Structure formats: structure tokens, C-alpha cells
Amino acid sequence: MVKDTRQNIIDAAIFIFNEDLSAPLEKVADKAEVTRRTLHRYFKDRKDLFICCNEEMQRSCKQAMTVAEQSSEDPLKRLEHVFYAAIDCGVKYAFLHKLHHLSGHQHRHDNKDCIRYDETFGKTRMILETLKEKDIISRHVTVEWILVLFPGVISATIGACTGGVTDRENLKKLAWFSFSKGIGL
């Protein structure tokens, strides 16, 4: 039960903080269906909860991305699978991206969380660079722009999923269509 309650709080926090990083802990407790006091039995403060959320997101997203990156020798197929994996990571992907792109975040190569983030998502950059070298992606877009567009489309897709769109598989295909056309495929 302890692990279930703790995990439930982490999942609720990821969902709530994805929408609003400054949301009060009461909102997290409400989403987790626990009291604020129970929340504090597991997490001493917001920072402690953020750290645990970060660890959970890093673990689950890395696992999903690794499977996707190893799914094919074809870099275009790998990019599509990584895209779908990011959607399947859902809110976790969007929140993790936000944490590492916050104003004031010092992304450092000696910070273990930043290193893990780069390991998880750095391969996407390499796939994009391979596709650019092979002139598969439009020369009118840069890898840097695609790396901004990618989480934007993912976030829009997640928003549609949480907003009530029930046909998730077709939504994922529509998202891939939109993204792929946006980068000139």
C-alpha cells in the first residue's frame, strides 16, 4: 500500500505540474486523493516531490525511447517510433521537457539529471542529423527548429488525449502526419 500511495502521488504530481509548475501541493493531494498530511509523509516538500517525479520520468521515458530507437535500422522509421514513444510517455515526456527547458535552468554536462536527460533524448538529435545528411528532411528547417517543434506537437497530442479525444491510435497517426509534413518529409 505504501508504494501504491507514493506512486499515486508521483503520478498525480506529474499530471498537475505538467499543467502548472507552480500549482499548490493541495492540488496534487486532491488529484492523488490523499490529504496534504499524507503527501508530506512521503515527500518533505515540493523540491523532494520534483526530484522523485524527475526520477520517475527519466526512468520510464528512457525505457520507452530506448526500445523505439532500437526498433529499426531505417532512421526515418526510428524517428517515427521515437515520436510515438514520446506520445506514449504522455504527460511525463512533456513535464520532463519543461523541467529541462525552464527559464533559469542551467543545463550542465556535470549534472546527473541533465546527463540522463541528454542520454534519453540526445539520440533523437542524432537521428535527425542523419536524416538531414541524407537530405530526407527539408533543407529549409534546422535540427534545432525540429527539436522545438517535436515537443510542441507531442504536447498538443497529449492535450487532445487528455481533452477527451478517444481514438488515440488515429490521433497519434494524425500527429505524425502533421509533424512529418512540418519538417518536409
Foldseek 3Di string as FASTA:
>chain_A
DLVVLLVLLLVLCLVVCLVPVPDDSCSSCVSSVHHSVSVCVNAVDSVRSVVVNLVVLLVQLLVQLVCLCPVDPQLVSSLLSNLVSLLVSFSSNSSNVCVCPPVVRDQDPVDPSSVSVCSSCVVNLVSVVVCVVVVVWPPVDDSVVLVVVSSVLSNVLSCCVVVDDDPNVVSSVVSCVVSRVVRPD
